[in-house]
PDB file of N, CA and C in Angstrom:
ATOM      1  N   UNK A   1      -8.639-170.899 -46.126  1.00  0.00           N
ATOM      2  CA  UNK A   1      -9.974-171.474 -46.207  1.00  0.00           C
ATOM      3  C   UNK A   1     -10.305-171.815 -47.658  1.00  0.00           C
ATOM      4  N   UNK A   2     -11.155-172.774 -47.829  1.00  0.00           N
ATOM      5  CA  UNK A   2     -11.505-173.206 -49.177  1.00  0.00           C
ATOM      6  C   UNK A   2     -12.335-172.154 -49.913  1.00  0.00           C
ATOM      7  N   UNK A   3     -13.216-171.459 -49.210  1.00  0.00           N
ATOM      8  CA  UNK A   3     -14.052-170.444 -49.859  1.00  0.00           C
ATOM      9  C   UNK A   3     -13.181-169.308 -50.389  1.00  0.00           C
ATOM     10  N   UNK A   4     -12.196-168.894 -49.605  1.00  0.00           N
ATOM     11  CA  UNK A   4     -11.290-167.835 -50.031  1.00  0.00           C
ATOM     12  C   UNK A   4     -10.547-168.249 -51.298  1.00  0.00           C
ATOM     13  N   UNK A   5     -10.113-169.491 -51.352  1.00  0.00           N
ATOM     14  CA  UNK A   5      -9.415-170.008 -52.535  1.00  0.00           C
ATOM     15  C   UNK A   5     -10.321-169.945 -53.760  1.00  0.00           C
ATOM     16  N   UNK A   6     -11.584-170.331 -53.598  1.00  0.00           N
ATOM     17  CA  UNK A   6     -12.530-170.315 -54.718  1.00  0.00           C
ATOM     18  C   UNK A   6     -12.775-168.884 -55.187  1.00  0.00           C
ATOM     19  N   UNK A   7     -12.890-167.943 -54.254  1.00  0.00           N
ATOM     20  CA  UNK A   7     -13.100-166.541 -54.627  1.00  0.00           C
ATOM     21  C   UNK A   7     -11.897-166.028 -55.418  1.00  0.00           C
ATOM     22  N   UNK A   8     -10.700-166.317 -54.946  1.00  0.00           N
ATOM     23  CA  UNK A   8      -9.487-165.861 -55.641  1.00  0.00           C
ATOM     24  C   UNK A   8      -9.398-166.444 -57.045  1.00  0.00           C
ATOM     25  N   UNK A   9      -9.815-167.682 -57.207  1.00  0.00           N
ATOM     26  CA  UNK A   9      -9.789-168.324 -58.527  1.00  0.00           C
ATOM     27  C   UNK A   9     -10.771-167.672 -59.501  1.00  0.00           C
ATOM     28  N   UNK A  10     -11.768-166.960 -58.998  1.00  0.00           N
ATOM     29  CA  UNK A  10     -12.793-166.369 -59.858  1.00  0.00           C
ATOM     30  C   UNK A  10     -12.666-164.861 -59.990  1.00  0.00           C
ATOM     31  N   UNK A  11     -11.473-164.335 -59.751  1.00  0.00           N
ATOM     32  CA  UNK A  11     -11.217-162.908 -59.943  1.00  0.00           C
ATOM     33  C   UNK A  11     -10.727-162.692 -61.367  1.00  0.00           C
ATOM     34  N   UNK A  12     -11.392-161.780 -62.080  1.00  0.00           N
ATOM     35  CA  UNK A  12     -10.976-161.415 -63.432  1.00  0.00           C
ATOM     36  C   UNK A  12     -10.026-160.225 -63.347  1.00  0.00           C
ATOM     37  N   UNK A  13      -8.890-160.278 -64.043  1.00  0.00           N
ATOM     38  CA  UNK A  13      -7.934-159.166 -63.999  1.00  0.00           C
ATOM     39  C   UNK A  13      -8.476-157.944 -64.750  1.00  0.00           C
ATOM     40  N   UNK A  14      -7.838-156.806 -64.569  1.00  0.00           N
ATOM     41  CA  UNK A  14      -8.257-155.604 -65.302  1.00  0.00           C
ATOM     42  C   UNK A  14      -8.110-155.801 -66.812  1.00  0.00           C
ATOM     43  N   UNK A  15      -8.850-155.022 -67.576  1.00  0.00           N
ATOM     44  CA  UNK A  15      -8.801-155.073 -69.036  1.00  0.00           C
ATOM     45  C   UNK A  15      -7.385-154.769 -69.514  1.00  0.00           C
ATOM     46  N   UNK A  16      -6.820-155.636 -70.302  1.00  0.00           N
ATOM     47  CA  UNK A  16      -5.452-155.524 -70.825  1.00  0.00           C
ATOM     48  C   UNK A  16      -4.409-155.434 -69.715  1.00  0.00           C
ATOM     49  N   UNK A  17      -4.790-155.821 -68.499  1.00  0.00           N
ATOM     50  CA  UNK A  17      -3.859-155.800 -67.388  1.00  0.00           C
ATOM     51  C   UNK A  17      -3.593-154.426 -66.820  1.00  0.00           C
ATOM     52  N   UNK A  18      -4.232-153.399 -67.375  1.00  0.00           N
ATOM     53  CA  UNK A  18      -3.924-152.025 -66.958  1.00  0.00           C
ATOM     54  C   UNK A  18      -5.172-151.229 -66.604  1.00  0.00           C
ATOM     55  N   UNK A  19      -6.182-151.314 -67.446  1.00  0.00           N
ATOM     56  CA  UNK A  19      -7.344-150.444 -67.319  1.00  0.00           C
ATOM     57  C   UNK A  19      -8.381-151.013 -66.351  1.00  0.00           C
ATOM     58  N   UNK A  20      -8.726-150.254 -65.327  1.00  0.00           N
ATOM     59  CA  UNK A  20      -9.758-150.660 -64.391  1.00  0.00           C
ATOM     60  C   UNK A  20      -9.209-151.432 -63.212  1.00  0.00           C
ATOM     61  N   UNK A  21     -10.118-152.104 -62.532  1.00  0.00           N
ATOM     62  CA  UNK A  21      -9.743-152.866 -61.347  1.00  0.00           C
ATOM     63  C   UNK A  21     -10.108-154.333 -61.540  1.00  0.00           C
ATOM     64  N   UNK A  22      -9.580-155.161 -60.685  1.00  0.00           N
ATOM     65  CA  UNK A  22      -9.937-156.580 -60.705  1.00  0.00           C
ATOM     66  C   UNK A  22     -11.373-156.727 -60.212  1.00  0.00           C
ATOM     67  N   UNK A  23     -12.078-157.682 -60.786  1.00  0.00           N
ATOM     68  CA  UNK A  23     -13.483-157.902 -60.424  1.00  0.00           C
ATOM     69  C   UNK A  23     -13.720-159.382 -60.186  1.00  0.00           C
ATOM     70  N   UNK A  24     -14.606-159.678 -59.268  1.00  0.00           N
ATOM     71  CA  UNK A  24     -15.008-161.066 -59.033  1.00  0.00           C
ATOM     72  C   UNK A  24     -16.102-161.410 -60.028  1.00  0.00           C
ATOM     73  N   UNK A  25     -15.922-162.500 -60.763  1.00  0.00           N
ATOM     74  CA  UNK A  25     -16.943-162.986 -61.681  1.00  0.00           C
ATOM     75  C   UNK A  25     -17.962-163.754 -60.837  1.00  0.00           C
ATOM     76  N   UNK A  26     -19.054-163.091 -60.509  1.00  0.00           N
ATOM     77  CA  UNK A  26     -20.029-163.629 -59.561  1.00  0.00           C
ATOM     78  C   UNK A  26     -20.718-164.879 -60.105  1.00  0.00           C
ATOM     79  N   UNK A  27     -20.983-164.918 -61.396  1.00  0.00           N
ATOM     80  CA  UNK A  27     -21.621-166.100 -61.980  1.00  0.00           C
ATOM     81  C   UNK A  27     -20.729-167.324 -61.825  1.00  0.00           C
ATOM     82  N   UNK A  28     -19.457-167.195 -62.212  1.00  0.00           N
ATOM     83  CA  UNK A  28     -18.532-168.321 -62.078  1.00  0.00           C
ATOM     84  C   UNK A  28     -18.331-168.691 -60.614  1.00  0.00           C
ATOM     85  N   UNK A  29     -18.297-167.691 -59.736  1.00  0.00           N
ATOM     86  CA  UNK A  29     -18.141-167.950 -58.306  1.00  0.00           C
ATOM     87  C   UNK A  29     -19.322-168.748 -57.779  1.00  0.00           C
ATOM     88  N   UNK A  30     -20.540-168.328 -58.117  1.00  0.00           N
ATOM     89  CA  UNK A  30     -21.727-169.046 -57.652  1.00  0.00           C
ATOM     90  C   UNK A  30     -21.769-170.478 -58.181  1.00  0.00           C
ATOM     91  N   UNK A  31     -21.377-170.664 -59.447  1.00  0.00           N
ATOM     92  CA  UNK A  31     -21.367-172.013 -60.006  1.00  0.00           C
ATOM     93  C   UNK A  31     -20.328-172.886 -59.308  1.00  0.00           C
ATOM     94  N   UNK A  32     -19.168-172.303 -59.000  1.00  0.00           N
ATOM     95  CA  UNK A  32     -18.128-173.056 -58.291  1.00  0.00           C
ATOM     96  C   UNK A  32     -18.584-173.444 -56.892  1.00  0.00           C
ATOM     97  N   UNK A  33     -19.174-172.496 -56.184  1.00  0.00           N
ATOM     98  CA  UNK A  33     -19.650-172.785 -54.833  1.00  0.00           C
ATOM     99  C   UNK A  33     -20.773-173.814 -54.853  1.00  0.00           C
ATOM    100  N   UNK A  34     -21.651-173.702 -55.842  1.00  0.00           N
ATOM    101  CA  UNK A  34     -22.754-174.657 -55.962  1.00  0.00           C
ATOM    102  C   UNK A  34     -22.233-176.069 -56.215  1.00  0.00           C
ATOM    103  N   UNK A  35     -21.232-176.182 -57.067  1.00  0.00           N
ATOM    104  CA  UNK A  35     -20.688-177.517 -57.349  1.00  0.00           C
ATOM    105  C   UNK A  35     -19.998-178.108 -56.125  1.00  0.00           C
ATOM    106  N   UNK A  36     -19.384-177.257 -55.310  1.00  0.00           N
ATOM    107  CA  UNK A  36     -18.735-177.745 -54.079  1.00  0.00           C
ATOM    108  C   UNK A  36     -19.767-178.244 -53.072  1.00  0.00           C
ATOM    109  N   UNK A  37     -20.909-177.567 -52.981  1.00  0.00           N
ATOM    110  CA  UNK A  37     -21.922-177.990 -52.019  1.00  0.00           C
ATOM    111  C   UNK A  37     -22.585-179.304 -52.459  1.00  0.00           C
ATOM    112  N   UNK A  38     -22.648-179.547 -53.762  1.00  0.00           N
ATOM    113  CA  UNK A  38     -23.235-180.794 -54.259  1.00  0.00           C
ATOM    114  C   UNK A  38     -22.307-181.981 -54.023  1.00  0.00           C
ATOM    115  N   UNK A  39     -20.997-181.714 -53.868  1.00  0.00           N
ATOM    116  CA  UNK A  39     -20.053-182.795 -53.617  1.00  0.00           C
ATOM    117  C   UNK A  39     -20.181-183.339 -52.205  1.00  0.00           C
ATOM    118  N   UNK A  40     -20.677-182.537 -51.301  1.00  0.00           N
ATOM    119  CA  UNK A  40     -20.764-182.933 -49.881  1.00  0.00           C
ATOM    120  C   UNK A  40     -21.865-183.905 -49.640  1.00  0.00           C
TER     121      UNK A  40
END
């Protein structure tokens, strides 16, 4: 699905690749989704 692809593109890796967990950058995700809805 396209939404799943957009979410995966907006995942930030852990700090230095080791410390912590991956996180979704919600601001970038919302901006990406908003731009997709404006294209329709």
